[in-house]
Structure formats: structure tokens, C-alpha cells
Amino acid sequence: MSAISHFRSVSDGTLTPMASEGTSRLLLDTHIWIWLMNGNDDRLDTQTIHAIEQAAAHGRVYVSAISVWEVAMLESKGRIRLSRDCLDWVRQALDAPGVLLLPLSPEISVASSRLPGKFHGDPADRILAASARLHDLSIVTHDERILAYGAEQYVSVLNR
């Protein structure tokens, strides 16, 4: 079963969205978002899928506005192929139950230029890290550089 069907199961009444303090608030890295929405969740282990399902059931899965930009750039350069027009894909992916768009605020923009410790210069990754820090989110990623930053305890990461 693909992750998109996991998200859809939330809307068919099998899971009822409700607030829960024990449920993690997750920020999907762009590649994770693409994998989930394209049904490539076999790249994620069952514990990660379960964590995403639980967070989605409680409306606690976030996608940064920078990830929308990244998807569009990757698609325009031919680095990824989407099943439909890019804007249609983005709209459908953001419409998945439990998924919320996290806007790029002035606070996130400024914080991304002032991250503690040593963090690489990729602007999108810096925005993800700043977003997670400011909004108390755990980043779901396989990106080694973000994972290393998490290991230094500058940002919360989820990767199992």
C-alpha cells in the first residue's frame, strides 16, 4: 500500500483527526514528500511510515513552501518526472489529508541565515532546518547532511 493511500485512509473515516500531544509534528524533506506522493514509500521503513500516518491522522504533517519550489525546479530541469502537470501534482499532494503547507515567513528566512553550528549552504535545506527549529518540527529525511546536523542536536530529525 502506498503512502498516498495511507493519507487517503485518514479521510475515509478509518482514522479521526484529533489533537494529541503524543503525536510528532513532522516536516517532510522534499525527497520524502515526492516518494510518498508518488507511491515510492517502499524506500521508507514501516516505523517511519507509521509515524507519518499517525502525524497525518492528527493534521501534523508539514510541507515547506520551499519544497514546492524544489519540486518545480527538479521537474523543470528534467530531474524528476511527475504523473501530471507540476502545479496539478503540487495541488493534489498538498490536498492529501493531514498535510499542511508551511509558508516561508520572514522569521524562517532570517533564521535560515543564522543557524547555529556548521550547516551547509544549500538554501532549501537551511530553510527546512530553520522551519523545523522555529516550529518545533522533526524533519523526515534521508539527507546525510541534515541527519548530521540533527546528530549534533541542532534540529530534530526522524530517520529510521
C-alpha atoms as a PDB file:
ATOM      1  CA  MET A   1       0.000   0.000   0.000  1.00  0.00           C
ATOM      2  CA  SER A   2       1.434   3.369  -0.982  1.00  0.00           C
ATOM      3  CA  ALA A   3       1.710   6.309   1.367  1.00  0.00           C
ATOM      4  CA  ILE A   4      -0.839   8.276  -0.607  1.00  0.00           C
ATOM      5  CA  SER A   5      -3.346   5.560   0.236  1.00  0.00           C
ATOM      6  CA  HIS A   6      -2.219   5.855   3.861  1.00  0.00           C
ATOM      7  CA  PHE A   7      -3.083   9.544   3.706  1.00  0.00           C
ATOM      8  CA  ARG A   8      -6.356   8.797   1.945  1.00  0.00           C
ATOM      9  CA  SER A   9      -7.304   6.307   4.677  1.00  0.00           C
ATOM     10  CA  VAL A  10      -7.379   9.237   7.051  1.00  0.00           C
ATOM     11  CA  SER A  11     -10.150  10.868   5.012  1.00  0.00           C
ATOM     12  CA  ASP A  12     -12.283   7.762   4.578  1.00  0.00           C
ATOM     13  CA  GLY A  13     -13.190   7.729   8.252  1.00  0.00           C
ATOM     14  CA  THR A  14     -10.925   4.931   9.469  1.00  0.00           C
ATOM     15  CA  LEU A  15      -8.883   7.442  11.454  1.00  0.00           C
ATOM     16  CA  THR A  16     -10.347  10.523  13.076  1.00  0.00           C
ATOM     17  CA  PRO A  17      -8.143  13.624  13.097  1.00  0.00           C
ATOM     18  CA  MET A  18      -7.805  14.986  16.614  1.00  0.00           C
ATOM     19  CA  ALA A  19      -5.209  16.758  18.691  1.00  0.00           C
ATOM     20  CA  SER A  20      -2.765  14.544  20.528  1.00  0.00           C
ATOM     21  CA  GLU A  21       0.217  15.737  22.484  1.00  0.00           C
ATOM     22  CA  GLY A  22       1.998  12.418  21.921  1.00  0.00           C
ATOM     23  CA  THR A  23       1.925  12.686  18.140  1.00  0.00           C
ATOM     24  CA  SER A  24       5.024  14.111  16.486  1.00  0.00           C
ATOM     25  CA  ARG A  25       4.807  17.145  14.252  1.00  0.00           C
ATOM     26  CA  LEU A  26       6.708  16.233  11.104  1.00  0.00           C
ATOM     27  CA  LEU A  27       8.269  18.295   8.323  1.00  0.00           C
ATOM     28  CA  LEU A  28       8.814  16.267   5.157  1.00  0.00           C
ATOM     29  CA  ASP A  29      12.046  16.841   3.290  1.00  0.00           C
ATOM     30  CA  THR A  30      11.340  17.320  -0.407  1.00  0.00           C
ATOM     31  CA  HIS A  31      12.521  13.867  -1.487  1.00  0.00           C
ATOM     32  CA  ILE A  32      10.378  12.211   1.189  1.00  0.00           C
ATOM     33  CA  TRP A  33       7.316  14.187   0.033  1.00  0.00           C
ATOM     34  CA  ILE A  34       7.934  13.138  -3.566  1.00  0.00           C
ATOM     35  CA  TRP A  35       8.421   9.478  -2.592  1.00  0.00           C
ATOM     36  CA  LEU A  36       5.212   9.434  -0.544  1.00  0.00           C
ATOM     37  CA  MET A  37       3.060  11.155  -3.123  1.00  0.00           C
ATOM     38  CA  ASN A  38       4.408   9.023  -5.980  1.00  0.00           C
ATOM     39  CA  GLY A  39       3.836   5.757  -4.099  1.00  0.00           C
ATOM     40  CA  ASN A  40       7.546   5.074  -3.525  1.00  0.00           C
ATOM     41  CA  ASP A  41       7.131   4.618   0.208  1.00  0.00           C
ATOM     42  CA  ASP A  42       8.981   1.307  -0.071  1.00  0.00           C
ATOM     43  CA  ARG A  43      12.087   3.475   0.384  1.00  0.00           C
ATOM     44  CA  LEU A  44      10.919   4.120   3.970  1.00  0.00           C
ATOM     45  CA  ASP A  45      10.756   1.595   6.774  1.00  0.00           C
ATOM     46  CA  THR A  46       7.495   0.659   8.460  1.00  0.00           C
ATOM     47  CA  GLN A  47       8.246   2.696  11.610  1.00  0.00           C
ATOM     48  CA  THR A  48       8.710   5.861   9.551  1.00  0.00           C
ATOM     49  CA  ILE A  49       5.534   5.172   7.568  1.00  0.00           C
ATOM     50  CA  HIS A  50       3.678   4.599  10.842  1.00  0.00           C
ATOM     51  CA  ALA A  51       4.996   7.883  12.302  1.00  0.00           C
ATOM     52  CA  ILE A  52       3.884   9.745   9.167  1.00  0.00           C
ATOM     53  CA  GLU A  53       0.461   8.063   9.225  1.00  0.00           C
ATOM     54  CA  GLN A  54      -0.039   8.986  12.871  1.00  0.00           C
ATOM     55  CA  ALA A  55       1.049  12.578  12.318  1.00  0.00           C
ATOM     56  CA  ALA A  56      -1.217  12.853   9.250  1.00  0.00           C
ATOM     57  CA  ALA A  57      -4.153  11.488  11.249  1.00  0.00           C
ATOM     58  CA  HIS A  58      -3.694  14.431  13.602  1.00  0.00           C
ATOM     59  CA  GLY A  59      -3.008  17.075  10.930  1.00  0.00           C
ATOM     60  CA  ARG A  60       0.653  17.296  11.876  1.00  0.00           C
ATOM     61  CA  VAL A  61       2.499  16.648   8.604  1.00  0.00           C
ATOM     62  CA  TYR A  62       4.016  19.775   7.117  1.00  0.00           C
ATOM     63  CA  VAL A  63       5.495  20.566   3.724  1.00  0.00           C
ATOM     64  CA  SER A  64       7.563  23.726   3.426  1.00  0.00           C
ATOM     65  CA  ALA A  65       6.840  26.210   0.668  1.00  0.00           C
ATOM     66  CA  ILE A  66      10.488  25.742  -0.345  1.00  0.00           C
ATOM     67  CA  SER A  67       9.691  22.105  -1.170  1.00  0.00           C
ATOM     68  CA  VAL A  68       7.069  23.266  -3.667  1.00  0.00           C
ATOM     69  CA  TRP A  69       9.769  25.375  -5.315  1.00  0.00           C
ATOM     70  CA  GLU A  70      12.216  22.440  -5.254  1.00  0.00           C
ATOM     71  CA  VAL A  71       9.703  20.098  -6.905  1.00  0.00           C
ATOM     72  CA  ALA A  72       9.035  22.664  -9.622  1.00  0.00           C
ATOM     73  CA  MET A  73      12.760  23.193 -10.221  1.00  0.00           C
ATOM     74  CA  LEU A  74      13.517  19.466 -10.314  1.00  0.00           C
ATOM     75  CA  GLU A  75      10.654  18.870 -12.740  1.00  0.00           C
ATOM     76  CA  SER A  76      11.573  21.808 -14.987  1.00  0.00           C
ATOM     77  CA  LYS A  77      15.169  20.547 -15.230  1.00  0.00           C
ATOM     78  CA  GLY A  78      14.035  17.001 -16.045  1.00  0.00           C
ATOM     79  CA  ARG A  79      15.499  15.536 -12.848  1.00  0.00           C
ATOM     80  CA  ILE A  80      12.111  14.123 -11.820  1.00  0.00           C
ATOM     81  CA  ARG A  81       9.016  13.135 -13.746  1.00  0.00           C
ATOM     82  CA  LEU A  82       5.590  13.763 -12.331  1.00  0.00           C
ATOM     83  CA  SER A  83       2.416  11.891 -13.236  1.00  0.00           C
ATOM     84  CA  ARG A  84       0.650  15.127 -14.219  1.00  0.00           C
ATOM     85  CA  ASP A  85       1.286  18.841 -14.744  1.00  0.00           C
ATOM     86  CA  CYS A  86       3.573  20.162 -11.994  1.00  0.00           C
ATOM     87  CA  LEU A  87       1.079  22.611 -10.490  1.00  0.00           C
ATOM     88  CA  ASP A  88      -1.663  19.969 -10.538  1.00  0.00           C
ATOM     89  CA  TRP A  89       0.705  17.487  -8.851  1.00  0.00           C
ATOM     90  CA  VAL A  90       1.584  20.029  -6.149  1.00  0.00           C
ATOM     91  CA  ARG A  91      -2.056  20.920  -5.514  1.00  0.00           C
ATOM     92  CA  GLN A  92      -3.047  17.261  -5.201  1.00  0.00           C
ATOM     93  CA  ALA A  93      -0.052  16.483  -2.980  1.00  0.00           C
ATOM     94  CA  LEU A  94      -0.875  19.402  -0.686  1.00  0.00           C
ATOM     95  CA  ASP A  95      -4.507  18.299  -0.606  1.00  0.00           C
ATOM     96  CA  ALA A  96      -3.605  14.935   0.952  1.00  0.00           C
ATOM     97  CA  PRO A  97      -5.371  14.575   4.323  1.00  0.00           C
ATOM     98  CA  GLY A  98      -3.264  15.644   7.272  1.00  0.00           C
ATOM     99  CA  VAL A  99      -0.750  17.549   5.113  1.00  0.00           C
ATOM    100  CA  LEU A 100      -0.315  21.272   5.715  1.00  0.00           C
ATOM    101  CA  LEU A 101       1.703  23.827   3.771  1.00  0.00           C
ATOM    102  CA  LEU A 102       4.209  25.670   5.952  1.00  0.00           C
ATOM    103  CA  PRO A 103       4.680  29.153   4.468  1.00  0.00           C
ATOM    104  CA  LEU A 104       8.061  30.807   4.143  1.00  0.00           C
ATOM    105  CA  SER A 105       7.817  33.570   6.737  1.00  0.00           C
ATOM    106  CA  PRO A 106      10.234  36.439   7.374  1.00  0.00           C
ATOM    107  CA  GLU A 107      11.186  34.720  10.646  1.00  0.00           C
ATOM    108  CA  ILE A 108      12.131  31.496   8.853  1.00  0.00           C
ATOM    109  CA  SER A 109      14.015  33.428   6.172  1.00  0.00           C
ATOM    110  CA  VAL A 110      16.126  35.310   8.707  1.00  0.00           C
ATOM    111  CA  ALA A 111      16.655  32.267  10.957  1.00  0.00           C
ATOM    112  CA  SER A 112      17.899  30.257   7.955  1.00  0.00           C
ATOM    113  CA  SER A 113      20.808  32.682   7.640  1.00  0.00           C
ATOM    114  CA  ARG A 114      21.679  32.362  11.337  1.00  0.00           C
ATOM    115  CA  LEU A 115      21.619  28.642  12.057  1.00  0.00           C
ATOM    116  CA  PRO A 116      23.837  27.561  14.956  1.00  0.00           C
ATOM    117  CA  GLY A 117      26.789  25.275  14.395  1.00  0.00           C
ATOM    118  CA  LYS A 118      28.086  24.377  10.967  1.00  0.00           C
ATOM    119  CA  PHE A 119      25.470  23.757   8.315  1.00  0.00           C
ATOM    120  CA  HIS A 120      25.977  23.621   4.569  1.00  0.00           C
ATOM    121  CA  GLY A 121      24.934  26.426   2.255  1.00  0.00           C
ATOM    122  CA  ASP A 122      22.007  24.829   0.373  1.00  0.00           C
ATOM    123  CA  PRO A 123      19.269  27.448   0.806  1.00  0.00           C
ATOM    124  CA  ALA A 124      16.391  24.934   0.704  1.00  0.00           C
ATOM    125  CA  ASP A 125      17.960  22.754   3.396  1.00  0.00           C
ATOM    126  CA  ARG A 126      18.696  25.832   5.502  1.00  0.00           C
ATOM    127  CA  ILE A 127      15.037  26.886   5.222  1.00  0.00           C
ATOM    128  CA  LEU A 128      13.905  23.377   6.223  1.00  0.00           C
ATOM    129  CA  ALA A 129      16.214  23.395   9.249  1.00  0.00           C
ATOM    130  CA  ALA A 130      15.099  26.879  10.309  1.00  0.00           C
ATOM    131  CA  SER A 131      11.429  25.916   9.829  1.00  0.00           C
ATOM    132  CA  ALA A 132      11.840  22.823  11.986  1.00  0.00           C
ATOM    133  CA  ARG A 133      13.650  24.762  14.710  1.00  0.00           C
ATOM    134  CA  LEU A 134      11.140  27.623  14.822  1.00  0.00           C
ATOM    135  CA  HIS A 135       8.029  25.436  14.678  1.00  0.00           C
ATOM    136  CA  ASP A 136       9.235  22.508  16.817  1.00  0.00           C
ATOM    137  CA  LEU A 137       9.034  20.001  13.962  1.00  0.00           C
ATOM    138  CA  SER A 138      11.029  16.837  13.283  1.00  0.00           C
ATOM    139  CA  ILE A 139      12.387  16.626   9.745  1.00  0.00           C
ATOM    140  CA  VAL A 140      11.752  13.323   7.956  1.00  0.00           C
ATOM    141  CA  THR A 141      14.761  12.903   5.688  1.00  0.00           C
ATOM    142  CA  HIS A 142      17.401  10.622   4.257  1.00  0.00           C
ATOM    143  CA  ASP A 143      19.724  13.584   3.574  1.00  0.00           C
ATOM    144  CA  GLU A 144      23.033  12.817   5.279  1.00  0.00           C
ATOM    145  CA  ARG A 145      23.863  16.491   5.865  1.00  0.00           C
ATOM    146  CA  ILE A 146      20.563  17.187   7.624  1.00  0.00           C
ATOM    147  CA  LEU A 147      20.901  13.951   9.602  1.00  0.00           C
ATOM    148  CA  ALA A 148      24.396  15.014  10.714  1.00  0.00           C
ATOM    149  CA  TYR A 149      23.019  18.388  11.809  1.00  0.00           C
ATOM    150  CA  GLY A 150      20.359  16.522  13.756  1.00  0.00           C
ATOM    151  CA  ALA A 151      23.004  14.291  15.358  1.00  0.00           C
ATOM    152  CA  GLU A 152      24.574  17.491  16.684  1.00  0.00           C
ATOM    153  CA  GLN A 153      21.135  18.208  18.220  1.00  0.00           C
ATOM    154  CA  TYR A 154      20.603  21.467  16.367  1.00  0.00           C
ATOM    155  CA  VAL A 155      17.418  20.142  14.786  1.00  0.00           C
ATOM    156  CA  SER A 156      15.110  17.192  15.401  1.00  0.00           C
ATOM    157  CA  VAL A 157      15.202  14.541  12.664  1.00  0.00           C
ATOM    158  CA  LEU A 158      13.296  11.355  12.009  1.00  0.00           C
ATOM    159  CA  ASN A 159      15.101   8.685  10.032  1.00  0.00           C
ATOM    160  CA  ARG A 160      14.806   5.028  10.897  1.00  0.00           C
END
